[in-house]
C-alpha atoms as a PDB file:
ATOM      1  CA  UNK A   1     -12.330  13.534 135.060  1.00  0.00           C
ATOM      2  CA  UNK A   2      -9.282  11.317 134.606  1.00  0.00           C
ATOM      3  CA  UNK A   3      -8.346  10.762 130.980  1.00  0.00           C
ATOM      4  CA  UNK A   4      -7.422   7.230 129.946  1.00  0.00           C
ATOM      5  CA  UNK A   5      -5.455   6.251 126.894  1.00  0.00           C
ATOM      6  CA  UNK A   6      -7.371   4.004 124.474  1.00  0.00           C
ATOM      7  CA  UNK A   7      -4.121   2.114 123.810  1.00  0.00           C
ATOM      8  CA  UNK A   8      -3.382  -0.969 125.900  1.00  0.00           C
ATOM      9  CA  UNK A   9       0.380  -0.653 126.247  1.00  0.00           C
ATOM     10  CA  UNK A  10       0.892  -4.280 127.215  1.00  0.00           C
ATOM     11  CA  UNK A  11      -0.365  -5.223 123.744  1.00  0.00           C
ATOM     12  CA  UNK A  12       2.284  -3.133 122.023  1.00  0.00           C
ATOM     13  CA  UNK A  13       5.187  -5.222 120.782  1.00  0.00           C
ATOM     14  CA  UNK A  14       8.515  -4.281 122.292  1.00  0.00           C
ATOM     15  CA  UNK A  15      11.023  -2.695 119.950  1.00  0.00           C
ATOM     16  CA  UNK A  16      14.716  -3.435 119.548  1.00  0.00           C
ATOM     17  CA  UNK A  17      16.760  -1.637 122.193  1.00  0.00           C
ATOM     18  CA  UNK A  18      13.689  -0.669 124.237  1.00  0.00           C
ATOM     19  CA  UNK A  19      15.150  -1.758 127.582  1.00  0.00           C
ATOM     20  CA  UNK A  20      18.284   0.311 127.008  1.00  0.00           C
ATOM     21  CA  UNK A  21      16.215   3.301 125.898  1.00  0.00           C
ATOM     22  CA  UNK A  22      14.153   3.073 129.090  1.00  0.00           C
ATOM     23  CA  UNK A  23      17.364   2.786 131.131  1.00  0.00           C
ATOM     24  CA  UNK A  24      18.819   5.896 129.434  1.00  0.00           C
ATOM     25  CA  UNK A  25      15.615   7.823 130.178  1.00  0.00           C
ATOM     26  CA  UNK A  26      15.596   6.759 133.830  1.00  0.00           C
ATOM     27  CA  UNK A  27      19.296   7.509 134.297  1.00  0.00           C
ATOM     28  CA  UNK A  28      18.929  10.951 132.724  1.00  0.00           C
ATOM     29  CA  UNK A  29      15.982  11.860 134.958  1.00  0.00           C
ATOM     30  CA  UNK A  30      17.734  10.505 138.046  1.00  0.00           C
ATOM     31  CA  UNK A  31      20.843  12.543 137.291  1.00  0.00           C
ATOM     32  CA  UNK A  32      19.241  15.814 136.232  1.00  0.00           C
ATOM     33  CA  UNK A  33      15.990  16.589 138.077  1.00  0.00           C
ATOM     34  CA  UNK A  34      16.539  15.883 141.807  1.00  0.00           C
ATOM     35  CA  UNK A  35      20.257  16.656 142.018  1.00  0.00           C
ATOM     36  CA  UNK A  36      20.836  19.259 139.331  1.00  0.00           C
ATOM     37  CA  UNK A  37      17.828  21.174 138.030  1.00  0.00           C
ATOM     38  CA  UNK A  38      16.006  21.528 141.360  1.00  0.00           C
ATOM     39  CA  UNK A  39      18.928  22.836 143.497  1.00  0.00           C
ATOM     40  CA  UNK A  40      20.213  25.162 140.772  1.00  0.00           C
ATOM     41  CA  UNK A  41      16.718  26.554 140.207  1.00  0.00           C
ATOM     42  CA  UNK A  42      16.309  27.071 143.960  1.00  0.00           C
ATOM     43  CA  UNK A  43      19.705  28.780 144.158  1.00  0.00           C
ATOM     44  CA  UNK A  44      18.787  31.086 141.290  1.00  0.00           C
ATOM     45  CA  UNK A  45      15.476  31.969 142.963  1.00  0.00           C
ATOM     46  CA  UNK A  46      17.209  32.779 146.251  1.00  0.00           C
ATOM     47  CA  UNK A  47      19.774  34.913 144.439  1.00  0.00           C
ATOM     48  CA  UNK A  48      16.954  36.910 142.862  1.00  0.00           C
ATOM     49  CA  UNK A  49      15.524  37.456 146.342  1.00  0.00           C
ATOM     50  CA  UNK A  50      18.896  38.631 147.640  1.00  0.00           C
ATOM     51  CA  UNK A  51      19.300  41.094 144.791  1.00  0.00           C
ATOM     52  CA  UNK A  52      15.779  42.353 145.420  1.00  0.00           C
ATOM     53  CA  UNK A  53      16.863  43.263 148.965  1.00  0.00           C
ATOM     54  CA  UNK A  54      14.626  40.951 151.031  1.00  0.00           C
ATOM     55  CA  UNK A  55      15.175  40.785 154.795  1.00  0.00           C
ATOM     56  CA  UNK A  56      17.325  38.181 156.624  1.00  0.00           C
ATOM     57  CA  UNK A  57      19.823  38.390 153.816  1.00  0.00           C
ATOM     58  CA  UNK A  58      22.473  36.364 155.658  1.00  0.00           C
ATOM     59  CA  UNK A  59      20.075  33.401 155.922  1.00  0.00           C
ATOM     60  CA  UNK A  60      19.396  33.685 152.218  1.00  0.00           C
ATOM     61  CA  UNK A  61      23.114  33.639 151.462  1.00  0.00           C
ATOM     62  CA  UNK A  62      23.467  30.438 153.492  1.00  0.00           C
ATOM     63  CA  UNK A  63      20.534  28.856 151.631  1.00  0.00           C
ATOM     64  CA  UNK A  64      21.941  30.063 148.327  1.00  0.00           C
ATOM     65  CA  UNK A  65      25.341  28.525 149.092  1.00  0.00           C
ATOM     66  CA  UNK A  66      23.737  25.245 150.167  1.00  0.00           C
ATOM     67  CA  UNK A  67      21.647  24.849 147.028  1.00  0.00           C
ATOM     68  CA  UNK A  68      24.559  25.926 144.835  1.00  0.00           C
ATOM     69  CA  UNK A  69      26.843  23.294 146.370  1.00  0.00           C
ATOM     70  CA  UNK A  70      24.066  20.715 145.924  1.00  0.00           C
ATOM     71  CA  UNK A  71      23.781  21.722 142.266  1.00  0.00           C
ATOM     72  CA  UNK A  72      27.558  21.493 141.745  1.00  0.00           C
ATOM     73  CA  UNK A  73      27.510  17.998 143.195  1.00  0.00           C
ATOM     74  CA  UNK A  74      24.638  17.223 140.796  1.00  0.00           C
ATOM     75  CA  UNK A  75      26.752  18.390 137.844  1.00  0.00           C
ATOM     76  CA  UNK A  76      29.592  16.153 139.029  1.00  0.00           C
ATOM     77  CA  UNK A  77      27.203  13.184 139.340  1.00  0.00           C
ATOM     78  CA  UNK A  78      25.802  13.835 135.877  1.00  0.00           C
ATOM     79  CA  UNK A  79      29.270  13.980 134.304  1.00  0.00           C
ATOM     80  CA  UNK A  80      30.094  10.659 135.962  1.00  0.00           C
ATOM     81  CA  UNK A  81      26.904   9.098 134.597  1.00  0.00           C
ATOM     82  CA  UNK A  82      27.364  10.642 131.152  1.00  0.00           C
ATOM     83  CA  UNK A  83      29.839   7.964 130.062  1.00  0.00           C
ATOM     84  CA  UNK A  84      27.451   5.172 131.081  1.00  0.00           C
ATOM     85  CA  UNK A  85      24.566   6.899 129.309  1.00  0.00           C
ATOM     86  CA  UNK A  86      26.692   7.214 126.157  1.00  0.00           C
ATOM     87  CA  UNK A  87      27.619   3.511 126.332  1.00  0.00           C
ATOM     88  CA  UNK A  88      23.964   2.576 126.776  1.00  0.00           C
ATOM     89  CA  UNK A  89      23.087   4.730 123.741  1.00  0.00           C
ATOM     90  CA  UNK A  90      25.679   2.879 121.631  1.00  0.00           C
ATOM     91  CA  UNK A  91      24.236  -0.456 122.760  1.00  0.00           C
ATOM     92  CA  UNK A  92      20.694   0.734 122.015  1.00  0.00           C
ATOM     93  CA  UNK A  93      21.662   1.836 118.500  1.00  0.00           C
ATOM     94  CA  UNK A  94      23.347  -1.520 117.867  1.00  0.00           C
ATOM     95  CA  UNK A  95      20.237  -3.432 118.909  1.00  0.00           C
ATOM     96  CA  UNK A  96      18.113  -1.193 116.697  1.00  0.00           C
ATOM     97  CA  UNK A  97      20.394  -1.756 113.702  1.00  0.00           C
ATOM     98  CA  UNK A  98      20.253  -5.538 114.168  1.00  0.00           C
ATOM     99  CA  UNK A  99      16.496  -5.373 114.734  1.00  0.00           C
ATOM    100  CA  UNK A 100      15.951  -3.518 111.456  1.00  0.00           C
ATOM    101  CA  UNK A 101      17.934  -6.104 109.496  1.00  0.00           C
ATOM    102  CA  UNK A 102      16.034  -8.955 111.130  1.00  0.00           C
ATOM    103  CA  UNK A 103      12.680  -7.279 110.472  1.00  0.00           C
ATOM    104  CA  UNK A 104      13.536  -7.195 106.761  1.00  0.00           C
ATOM    105  CA  UNK A 105      13.456 -11.016 106.872  1.00  0.00           C
ATOM    106  CA  UNK A 106       9.760 -11.105 107.796  1.00  0.00           C
ATOM    107  CA  UNK A 107       9.017 -11.251 104.077  1.00  0.00           C
ATOM    108  CA  UNK A 108      10.722 -14.681 104.100  1.00  0.00           C
ATOM    109  CA  UNK A 109       8.408 -15.943 106.814  1.00  0.00           C
ATOM    110  CA  UNK A 110      10.545 -15.093 109.828  1.00  0.00           C
ATOM    111  CA  UNK A 111       8.783 -14.082 113.020  1.00  0.00           C
ATOM    112  CA  UNK A 112      10.704 -11.714 115.234  1.00  0.00           C
ATOM    113  CA  UNK A 113      10.432 -10.680 118.863  1.00  0.00           C
ATOM    114  CA  UNK A 114      12.653  -7.918 120.225  1.00  0.00           C
ATOM    115  CA  UNK A 115      13.717  -7.198 123.787  1.00  0.00           C
ATOM    116  CA  UNK A 116      11.941 -10.242 125.228  1.00  0.00           C
ATOM    117  CA  UNK A 117      11.619  -9.788 129.000  1.00  0.00           C
ATOM    118  CA  UNK A 118      12.331 -12.616 131.428  1.00  0.00           C
ATOM    119  CA  UNK A 119      12.813 -12.925 135.169  1.00  0.00           C
ATOM    120  CA  UNK A 120      15.524 -15.569 134.840  1.00  0.00           C
ATOM    121  CA  UNK A 121      18.017 -14.236 132.266  1.00  0.00           C
ATOM    122  CA  UNK A 122      17.103 -10.584 131.831  1.00  0.00           C
ATOM    123  CA  UNK A 123      16.073  -9.347 128.385  1.00  0.00           C
ATOM    124  CA  UNK A 124      16.763 -11.453 125.301  1.00  0.00           C
ATOM    125  CA  UNK A 125      17.709  -8.950 122.595  1.00  0.00           C
ATOM    126  CA  UNK A 126      16.053 -10.798 119.688  1.00  0.00           C
ATOM    127  CA  UNK A 127      14.199 -14.081 119.171  1.00  0.00           C
ATOM    128  CA  UNK A 128      13.815 -15.396 115.631  1.00  0.00           C
ATOM    129  CA  UNK A 129      11.307 -18.105 114.748  1.00  0.00           C
ATOM    130  CA  UNK A 130      12.083 -19.212 111.198  1.00  0.00           C
ATOM    131  CA  UNK A 131      11.579 -22.319 109.060  1.00  0.00           C
ATOM    132  CA  UNK A 132      15.289 -23.007 109.596  1.00  0.00           C
ATOM    133  CA  UNK A 133      15.076 -23.010 113.398  1.00  0.00           C
ATOM    134  CA  UNK A 134      14.601 -20.985 116.551  1.00  0.00           C
ATOM    135  CA  UNK A 135      17.347 -18.509 117.387  1.00  0.00           C
ATOM    136  CA  UNK A 136      18.161 -16.306 120.355  1.00  0.00           C
ATOM    137  CA  UNK A 137      20.378 -13.421 119.287  1.00  0.00           C
ATOM    138  CA  UNK A 138      22.555 -11.516 121.736  1.00  0.00           C
ATOM    139  CA  UNK A 139      23.735  -8.183 120.294  1.00  0.00           C
ATOM    140  CA  UNK A 140      27.060  -6.760 121.416  1.00  0.00           C
ATOM    141  CA  UNK A 141      27.837  -3.289 120.091  1.00  0.00           C
ATOM    142  CA  UNK A 142      31.581  -2.831 120.363  1.00  0.00           C
ATOM    143  CA  UNK A 143      33.597   0.230 119.359  1.00  0.00           C
ATOM    144  CA  UNK A 144      36.602  -0.420 117.142  1.00  0.00           C
ATOM    145  CA  UNK A 145      40.115   0.761 117.949  1.00  0.00           C
ATOM    146  CA  UNK A 146      40.988   0.597 114.238  1.00  0.00           C
ATOM    147  CA  UNK A 147      38.710   0.617 111.190  1.00  0.00           C
ATOM    148  CA  UNK A 148      39.947  -2.781 109.964  1.00  0.00           C
ATOM    149  CA  UNK A 149      39.800  -4.488 113.369  1.00  0.00           C
ATOM    150  CA  UNK A 150      37.814  -7.742 113.212  1.00  0.00           C
ATOM    151  CA  UNK A 151      36.354 -10.427 115.446  1.00  0.00           C
ATOM    152  CA  UNK A 152      38.086 -13.823 115.632  1.00  0.00           C
ATOM    153  CA  UNK A 153      36.069 -16.737 117.015  1.00  0.00           C
ATOM    154  CA  UNK A 154      37.510 -20.206 117.614  1.00  0.00           C
ATOM    155  CA  UNK A 155      34.346 -21.761 119.052  1.00  0.00           C
ATOM    156  CA  UNK A 156      35.428 -21.266 122.653  1.00  0.00           C
ATOM    157  CA  UNK A 157      36.580 -17.655 122.986  1.00  0.00           C
ATOM    158  CA  UNK A 158      36.229 -14.323 121.207  1.00  0.00           C
ATOM    159  CA  UNK A 159      39.139 -11.986 120.548  1.00  0.00           C
ATOM    160  CA  UNK A 160      39.749  -9.152 118.122  1.00  0.00           C
ATOM    161  CA  UNK A 161      42.547  -8.975 115.593  1.00  0.00           C
ATOM    162  CA  UNK A 162      44.264  -6.510 117.952  1.00  0.00           C
ATOM    163  CA  UNK A 163      44.259  -9.067 120.754  1.00  0.00           C
ATOM    164  CA  UNK A 164      41.342  -7.726 122.820  1.00  0.00           C
ATOM    165  CA  UNK A 165      39.557 -10.558 124.633  1.00  0.00           C
ATOM    166  CA  UNK A 166      35.814 -10.047 124.674  1.00  0.00           C
ATOM    167  CA  UNK A 167      35.030 -12.821 127.146  1.00  0.00           C
ATOM    168  CA  UNK A 168      37.572 -11.937 129.825  1.00  0.00           C
ATOM    169  CA  UNK A 169      36.098  -8.757 131.337  1.00  0.00           C
ATOM    170  CA  UNK A 170      32.547  -8.410 132.606  1.00  0.00           C
ATOM    171  CA  UNK A 171      29.759 -10.569 131.188  1.00  0.00           C
ATOM    172  CA  UNK A 172      30.872 -13.337 128.857  1.00  0.00           C
ATOM    173  CA  UNK A 173      28.626 -13.002 125.758  1.00  0.00           C
ATOM    174  CA  UNK A 174      29.028 -16.720 124.962  1.00  0.00           C
ATOM    175  CA  UNK A 175      27.774 -17.783 128.395  1.00  0.00           C
ATOM    176  CA  UNK A 176      25.021 -15.167 128.235  1.00  0.00           C
ATOM    177  CA  UNK A 177      23.791 -16.388 124.841  1.00  0.00           C
ATOM    178  CA  UNK A 178      23.905 -20.019 125.937  1.00  0.00           C
ATOM    179  CA  UNK A 179      21.858 -19.258 129.075  1.00  0.00           C
ATOM    180  CA  UNK A 180      19.235 -17.446 127.001  1.00  0.00           C
ATOM    181  CA  UNK A 181      18.823 -20.361 124.584  1.00  0.00           C
ATOM    182  CA  UNK A 182      18.668 -22.860 127.432  1.00  0.00           C
ATOM    183  CA  UNK A 183      16.041 -20.750 129.199  1.00  0.00           C
ATOM    184  CA  UNK A 184      13.941 -20.395 126.051  1.00  0.00           C
ATOM    185  CA  UNK A 185      13.957 -24.155 125.469  1.00  0.00           C
ATOM    186  CA  UNK A 186      12.732 -24.869 128.997  1.00  0.00           C
ATOM    187  CA  UNK A 187      10.266 -21.973 128.910  1.00  0.00           C
ATOM    188  CA  UNK A 188       8.637 -23.111 125.657  1.00  0.00           C
ATOM    189  CA  UNK A 189       8.571 -26.788 126.605  1.00  0.00           C
ATOM    190  CA  UNK A 190       6.658 -25.889 129.775  1.00  0.00           C
ATOM    191  CA  UNK A 191       4.186 -23.571 128.026  1.00  0.00           C
ATOM    192  CA  UNK A 192       3.543 -25.744 124.979  1.00  0.00           C
ATOM    193  CA  UNK A 193       3.543 -28.979 127.035  1.00  0.00           C
ATOM    194  CA  UNK A 194       5.614 -30.842 124.493  1.00  0.00           C
ATOM    195  CA  UNK A 195       9.208 -30.895 123.364  1.00  0.00           C
ATOM    196  CA  UNK A 196      10.257 -28.640 120.507  1.00  0.00           C
ATOM    197  CA  UNK A 197      11.280 -30.235 117.228  1.00  0.00           C
ATOM    198  CA  UNK A 198      14.574 -28.310 117.434  1.00  0.00           C
ATOM    199  CA  UNK A 199      16.433 -26.671 120.297  1.00  0.00           C
ATOM    200  CA  UNK A 200      16.898 -22.888 120.190  1.00  0.00           C
ATOM    201  CA  UNK A 201      20.273 -21.930 118.734  1.00  0.00           C
ATOM    202  CA  UNK A 202      22.207 -19.171 120.547  1.00  0.00           C
ATOM    203  CA  UNK A 203      23.889 -16.531 118.387  1.00  0.00           C
ATOM    204  CA  UNK A 204      26.111 -13.615 119.350  1.00  0.00           C
ATOM    205  CA  UNK A 205      26.320 -10.863 116.764  1.00  0.00           C
ATOM    206  CA  UNK A 206      28.566  -7.804 116.598  1.00  0.00           C
ATOM    207  CA  UNK A 207      26.921  -5.222 114.304  1.00  0.00           C
ATOM    208  CA  UNK A 208      29.374  -3.544 111.965  1.00  0.00           C
ATOM    209  CA  UNK A 209      32.157  -6.088 112.535  1.00  0.00           C
ATOM    210  CA  UNK A 210      33.666  -8.702 110.238  1.00  0.00           C
ATOM    211  CA  UNK A 211      33.742 -12.103 111.971  1.00  0.00           C
ATOM    212  CA  UNK A 212      36.547 -14.522 111.116  1.00  0.00           C
ATOM    213  CA  UNK A 213      35.948 -18.128 112.154  1.00  0.00           C
ATOM    214  CA  UNK A 214      38.843 -20.345 113.275  1.00  0.00           C
ATOM    215  CA  UNK A 215      36.793 -23.092 114.863  1.00  0.00           C
ATOM    216  CA  UNK A 216      38.402 -25.723 117.057  1.00  0.00           C
ATOM    217  CA  UNK A 217      35.048 -27.507 117.407  1.00  0.00           C
ATOM    218  CA  UNK A 218      32.947 -28.611 114.441  1.00  0.00           C
ATOM    219  CA  UNK A 219      29.752 -27.617 116.256  1.00  0.00           C
ATOM    220  CA  UNK A 220      30.364 -24.885 118.847  1.00  0.00           C
ATOM    221  CA  UNK A 221      27.655 -24.380 121.456  1.00  0.00           C
ATOM    222  CA  UNK A 222      27.232 -20.743 120.450  1.00  0.00           C
ATOM    223  CA  UNK A 223      27.411 -19.247 116.974  1.00  0.00           C
ATOM    224  CA  UNK A 224      29.162 -15.904 116.481  1.00  0.00           C
ATOM    225  CA  UNK A 225      28.060 -14.251 113.257  1.00  0.00           C
ATOM    226  CA  UNK A 226      28.098 -10.955 111.451  1.00  0.00           C
ATOM    227  CA  UNK A 227      24.517  -9.648 111.266  1.00  0.00           C
ATOM    228  CA  UNK A 228      24.540  -9.577 107.448  1.00  0.00           C
ATOM    229  CA  UNK A 229      25.681 -13.201 107.536  1.00  0.00           C
ATOM    230  CA  UNK A 230      22.678 -14.101 109.694  1.00  0.00           C
ATOM    231  CA  UNK A 231      20.107 -12.641 107.299  1.00  0.00           C
ATOM    232  CA  UNK A 232      21.829 -13.905 104.137  1.00  0.00           C
ATOM    233  CA  UNK A 233      22.822 -17.430 105.135  1.00  0.00           C
ATOM    234  CA  UNK A 234      20.187 -18.764 107.525  1.00  0.00           C
ATOM    235  CA  UNK A 235      17.477 -18.643 104.790  1.00  0.00           C
ATOM    236  CA  UNK A 236      19.616 -21.107 102.761  1.00  0.00           C
ATOM    237  CA  UNK A 237      19.634 -23.707 105.552  1.00  0.00           C
ATOM    238  CA  UNK A 238      17.294 -26.749 105.567  1.00  0.00           C
ATOM    239  CA  UNK A 239      13.733 -26.312 106.833  1.00  0.00           C
ATOM    240  CA  UNK A 240      13.433 -27.768 110.352  1.00  0.00           C
ATOM    241  CA  UNK A 241      10.333 -26.124 111.838  1.00  0.00           C
ATOM    242  CA  UNK A 242       6.880 -26.549 110.378  1.00  0.00           C
ATOM    243  CA  UNK A 243       4.670 -23.539 109.722  1.00  0.00           C
ATOM    244  CA  UNK A 244       2.221 -24.776 112.374  1.00  0.00           C
ATOM    245  CA  UNK A 245       4.937 -25.052 115.033  1.00  0.00           C
ATOM    246  CA  UNK A 246       6.286 -21.603 114.127  1.00  0.00           C
ATOM    247  CA  UNK A 247       2.828 -20.131 114.695  1.00  0.00           C
ATOM    248  CA  UNK A 248       2.389 -21.916 118.033  1.00  0.00           C
ATOM    249  CA  UNK A 249       5.815 -20.787 119.289  1.00  0.00           C
ATOM    250  CA  UNK A 250       5.328 -17.186 118.168  1.00  0.00           C
ATOM    251  CA  UNK A 251       1.814 -16.870 119.591  1.00  0.00           C
ATOM    252  CA  UNK A 252       2.942 -18.459 122.877  1.00  0.00           C
ATOM    253  CA  UNK A 253       5.833 -16.011 123.255  1.00  0.00           C
ATOM    254  CA  UNK A 254       3.647 -13.011 122.355  1.00  0.00           C
ATOM    255  CA  UNK A 255       1.117 -14.034 125.009  1.00  0.00           C
ATOM    256  CA  UNK A 256       3.879 -14.543 127.588  1.00  0.00           C
ATOM    257  CA  UNK A 257       5.302 -11.119 126.800  1.00  0.00           C
ATOM    258  CA  UNK A 258       1.898  -9.444 127.234  1.00  0.00           C
ATOM    259  CA  UNK A 259       1.496 -11.126 130.615  1.00  0.00           C
ATOM    260  CA  UNK A 260       4.966  -9.946 131.636  1.00  0.00           C
ATOM    261  CA  UNK A 261       4.173  -6.361 130.577  1.00  0.00           C
ATOM    262  CA  UNK A 262       0.911  -6.435 132.563  1.00  0.00           C
ATOM    263  CA  UNK A 263       2.656  -7.766 135.656  1.00  0.00           C
ATOM    264  CA  UNK A 264       5.407  -5.137 135.452  1.00  0.00           C
ATOM    265  CA  UNK A 265       2.900  -2.286 135.099  1.00  0.00           C
ATOM    266  CA  UNK A 266       0.900  -3.489 138.097  1.00  0.00           C
ATOM    267  CA  UNK A 267       3.965  -3.901 140.324  1.00  0.00           C
END
C-alpha cells in the first residue's frame, strides 16, 4: 500500500531563501551521486573482488581503472561546483536574515510573502503588503572586502565605498527590482480586476551593509535601503492602503502561489 502524506505541500507558505536552498540541494545531488559516489563505490567493489582473487583479473583492473577515473572526474566537477554552492548558501542566508526581520513586522499589520514564484521574472525574494504601501524587496547578499565598506546609492547606480560597481557585472539589481514591481502591478491588476490604490514600490536591500544615499533624483525609481532601515522607517510613513485592500491583495497572492505550486508539482 502506498503511503500518502496528510500534508498538502502546495498549501505550505514558501520560506525566505527556499529557491536557493532547493538549488543547493539539487546541485549537491547532481555533483555527488551520479559522478562521484557511484563510480567510487563501484571501483571499491571491484578492488575488493581483485583482492579476493576472482577470475579474469585483467578485465577487473580495466573496470577498476575506468570507474576510478570517472570518480576522479566527479571530484573535479564537485570542486568546480563547490564555489557556486557556497555563493548560493550565502545568498540563501541573506534572504533568510531579511525574511526574519520582515516577519517581525507582522505585529504591526504587515503581511509578508517570501520567495514568490513567477514565470515572467523568476522568484521575487519578498513581497510586503503594509498600510504604508506594497513593496517588492530584492535581497542582494554581498561579501565585504573591508569591515567598514559601505553601499553608496545616487538613485541611478550602486557602488561601494571602495569603488566596486554593483550594477556593471551580471544582473543589475536595480533593473531586476524594477521589473519585479512592474510585474506585480500588472499581475494584481489582472487578478483583482481593478487598479491598485498605489503602485508596488521596488526596494533593493543589502543585509549587513550601511547604505549611504547621494541621490541625484528626488524620487528614484528604485529604493536602496538597509534592512533595518526598512523595518524601522516604513512604519512611520503615511497610511496609503486600506485594511480591506491589504486583505484582498494578500489573499489573491496566496491563492496564486498555491496554484503555481500545484502546477509545478504536476509538471
